[in-house]
Protein backbone atom coordinates (compact mmCIF):
# COMPACT_ATOMS: atom_id res chain seq x y z
CA MET A 1 103.72 126.46 71.26
CA ALA A 2 107.56 126.84 71.94
CA LEU A 3 109.13 124.40 74.75
CA VAL A 4 112.10 124.56 76.25
CA ASP A 5 113.79 122.51 79.32
CA ALA A 6 112.49 123.21 82.97
CA ASP A 7 114.89 124.20 85.52
CA THR A 8 116.60 120.88 86.10
CA ARG A 9 117.73 118.97 83.23
CA PHE A 10 117.16 115.15 82.99
CA ASP A 11 119.98 112.94 81.19
CA LEU A 12 117.82 110.26 79.35
CA GLU A 13 121.01 108.17 79.06
CA ASN A 14 121.78 108.38 82.58
CA PRO A 15 118.87 108.87 84.79
CA ARG A 16 121.13 109.49 87.92
CA LYS A 17 122.65 112.48 86.53
CA PHE A 18 120.77 115.97 86.78
CA SER A 19 122.37 119.18 85.90
CA LYS A 20 121.26 122.82 86.33
CA LYS A 21 124.06 124.33 84.64
CA GLY A 22 124.65 124.50 80.98
CA LYS A 23 121.34 123.46 80.13
CA THR A 24 120.57 122.82 76.48
CA THR A 25 117.18 124.13 75.52
CA VAL A 26 115.32 123.05 72.30
CA THR A 27 112.56 125.11 70.40
CA ARG A 28 109.84 123.15 69.17
CA THR A 29 106.55 123.93 67.75
CA PHE A 30 103.53 121.80 68.12
CA ARG A 31 99.95 122.06 66.61
CA LEU A 32 97.62 121.32 69.28
CA ARG A 33 93.56 120.81 69.23
CA LYS A 34 92.02 124.20 70.80
CA GLU A 35 90.43 122.09 73.56
CA TRP A 36 93.65 120.61 74.56
CA ASP A 37 95.31 123.93 74.65
CA ASP A 38 92.40 125.51 76.65
CA VAL A 39 92.99 122.43 79.10
CA LEU A 40 96.72 123.54 79.46
CA ARG A 41 96.10 127.10 79.73
CA ARG A 42 93.42 126.55 82.52
CA GLU A 43 95.58 123.82 84.45
CA ALA A 44 98.64 126.24 84.13
CA GLU A 45 96.70 129.10 85.65
CA LYS A 46 95.20 127.24 88.27
CA GLN A 47 98.91 125.88 89.22
CA GLY A 48 100.45 129.34 88.90
CA LEU A 49 102.60 128.23 86.26
CA SER A 50 103.43 129.20 82.69
CA VAL A 51 102.18 126.69 80.02
CA ASN A 52 105.71 126.00 79.05
CA VAL A 53 106.54 124.83 82.52
CA LEU A 54 103.46 122.66 82.87
CA VAL A 55 104.43 121.12 79.51
CA ASN A 56 107.85 120.51 80.61
CA LEU A 57 106.51 118.80 83.40
CA ILE A 58 104.06 116.69 81.57
CA LEU A 59 107.10 115.69 79.30
CA ARG A 60 109.57 115.18 82.22
CA ARG A 61 106.88 112.69 83.65
CA TYR A 62 106.74 110.94 80.28
CA ALA A 63 110.84 110.70 80.00
CA LEU A 64 111.14 109.54 83.76
CA PHE A 65 108.01 107.25 84.11
CA ASP A 66 105.06 106.84 81.83
CA ARG A 67 107.16 105.37 78.92
CA TRP A 68 108.46 102.61 81.16
CA THR A 69 105.14 101.94 82.78
CA ARG A 70 103.56 101.03 79.46
CA ASN A 71 106.11 98.10 79.15
CA TYR A 72 105.61 97.15 82.65
CA LYS A 73 101.88 96.74 82.96
CA VAL A 74 101.03 99.15 85.63
CA ILE A 75 97.51 99.69 86.62
CA SER A 76 95.97 102.66 88.45
CA LEU A 77 93.76 102.70 91.46
CA THR A 78 92.60 105.17 93.73
CA GLN A 79 94.11 105.39 97.03
CA GLY A 80 90.58 104.64 98.75
CA SER A 81 90.35 101.38 96.33
CA PHE A 82 93.83 100.22 97.11
CA GLN A 83 93.14 101.10 100.98
CA GLU A 84 90.50 98.60 100.74
CA VAL A 85 92.70 95.91 99.37
CA LEU A 86 95.23 96.25 101.85
CA GLU A 87 92.82 96.17 104.72
CA GLY A 88 91.45 92.92 103.38
CA SER A 89 94.84 91.36 103.24
CA LEU A 90 96.78 89.48 106.19
CA LEU A 91 99.94 91.36 107.24
CA GLU A 92 101.81 88.33 106.67
CA ASN A 93 100.58 87.54 103.06
CA LEU A 94 101.82 91.26 102.33
CA ALA A 95 105.21 90.64 103.76
CA LYS A 96 105.57 87.46 101.83
CA ALA A 97 104.33 89.46 98.58
CA GLY A 98 106.74 91.85 99.06
CA GLU A 99 109.56 89.70 99.68
CA LYS A 100 108.59 87.63 96.56
CA ARG A 101 108.16 90.31 94.13
CA GLY A 102 110.50 92.98 95.18
CA ALA A 103 113.62 91.72 93.58
CA PRO A 104 112.09 90.50 90.42
CA SER A 105 109.91 93.59 90.06
CA ILE A 106 112.88 96.26 90.49
CA GLN A 107 115.16 94.20 88.37
CA SER A 108 112.61 94.09 85.56
CA ILE A 109 112.11 97.81 85.87
CA ILE A 110 116.03 98.28 86.03
CA ASP A 111 116.06 96.08 82.59
CA ILE A 112 113.42 97.64 80.92
CA MET A 113 114.99 101.25 81.64
CA GLY A 114 118.48 100.15 80.38
CA LEU A 115 119.93 100.81 83.96
CA PRO A 116 122.81 98.68 85.36
CA SER A 117 121.73 96.41 88.56
CA ASN A 118 123.62 98.60 91.05
CA TYR A 119 123.04 100.69 94.16
CA ASN A 120 123.04 103.93 92.20
CA SER A 121 120.12 102.45 90.30
CA PHE A 122 118.25 101.33 93.41
CA THR A 123 118.75 104.93 94.93
CA PHE A 124 117.51 106.56 91.62
CA LEU A 125 114.25 104.14 91.68
CA ILE A 126 113.43 104.65 95.34
CA THR A 127 113.84 108.57 95.27
CA ASN A 128 112.52 109.44 91.89
CA PHE A 129 110.63 106.42 90.45
CA PHE A 130 108.55 105.12 93.45
CA GLY A 131 109.11 107.95 95.61
CA GLY A 132 109.39 111.09 93.36
CA GLY A 133 105.79 111.94 92.43
CA TYR A 134 105.55 109.47 89.94
CA ALA A 135 104.37 106.09 91.11
CA LEU A 136 103.29 107.73 93.90
CA TRP A 137 103.85 104.79 96.51
CA PHE A 138 105.44 107.17 99.07
CA SER A 139 107.14 110.39 99.55
CA CYS A 140 111.06 109.67 99.87
CA HIS A 141 113.32 111.91 101.94
CA ARG A 142 116.98 111.01 101.91
CA HIS A 143 119.64 111.75 104.15
CA PHE A 144 123.24 111.46 104.05
CA ARG A 145 125.25 110.20 107.30
CA GLU A 146 129.15 109.44 106.90
CA ASN A 147 128.95 106.12 105.16
CA ARG A 148 125.17 105.46 105.30
CA ASP A 149 122.19 106.62 103.39
CA ILE A 150 119.05 106.90 105.34
CA PHE A 151 115.73 106.68 103.10
CA HIS A 152 112.46 107.78 104.94
CA LEU A 153 109.62 106.53 102.95
CA GLN A 154 106.27 108.47 104.21
CA HIS A 155 102.91 107.41 103.00
CA THR A 156 99.20 107.40 104.38
CA LEU A 157 98.46 103.79 103.71
CA GLY A 158 99.16 102.12 107.11
CA ARG A 159 101.25 99.51 108.50
CA LYS A 160 100.41 96.91 106.11
CA TRP A 161 101.76 99.00 103.16
CA SER A 162 104.88 99.79 105.44
CA VAL A 163 105.47 96.07 105.83
CA PHE A 164 105.16 95.39 102.29
CA LEU A 165 107.39 98.18 101.50
CA GLN A 166 110.06 97.05 103.76
CA ASN A 167 110.08 93.50 102.33
CA TYR A 168 109.92 94.61 98.66
CA PHE A 169 113.09 96.91 98.80
CA LEU A 170 115.02 94.59 101.21
CA SER A 171 114.61 91.70 98.83
CA TYR A 172 116.24 93.55 95.98
CA LEU A 173 118.93 95.03 98.22
CA LYS A 174 119.70 91.45 99.45
CA THR A 175 120.49 90.60 95.78
CA LEU A 176 123.08 93.30 95.75
CA LYS A 177 124.41 92.12 98.94
CA ILE A 178 124.05 95.35 100.64
CA ASP A 179 123.48 95.64 104.45
CA CYS A 180 120.53 97.46 105.52
CA GLU A 181 118.63 98.15 108.60
CA THR A 182 114.73 98.93 108.74
CA ARG A 183 112.32 100.53 111.08
CA VAL A 184 108.85 100.11 110.34
CA TYR A 185 106.08 102.73 111.65
CA ASP A 186 102.44 102.82 110.82
CA TYR A 187 102.72 105.49 107.96
CA ALA A 188 106.55 105.29 107.30
CA VAL A 189 109.59 102.84 106.65
CA ASN A 190 113.13 103.85 107.38
CA PHE A 191 115.84 102.16 105.56
CA THR A 192 119.49 102.63 106.71
CA VAL A 193 121.80 101.40 104.01
CA HIS A 194 125.57 101.15 104.33
CA ARG A 195 126.61 102.95 101.09
CA PRO A 196 128.79 100.30 99.29
CA LEU A 197 132.26 101.56 98.45
């Protein structure tokens, strides 16, 4: 099976850099067990993709997320199970947990990934890592307004999760001494961040 880069190239040394121009491709040949190839072919057909594109998506997820989570001790829960945990928790406790764990957890992820502790790394994590289809904490919609960035974090887990997210990300932004305004909704949080110069 020959593999080439997907449409958008990710710079492994600088995860904030993406490029569609001058992409470099590499051809590699792999030997796969037949049952794995059958799974890839069926899944690619079901998604309306070529096997090549599907494998590139799998490799991209590994490069951007999976290889870091092994060092970070990530666990997986179904959304229904996680919803039960949230419903059984007091709002105040979730707010405190977000404030307590946010800054050190985000800093740990940044350190594991070898990124600098700055606003660009925060932006990468909130848009791609937590909210870009990998950690699946939320869908992140970023909007640019003059000297501000607006991050709209949309999810289906209710107000308690919104409050946790608000405190989690605010605690890290405070370490960067970045001004931020938030708005909490039942199924979303808005962060309006005054972009550092």
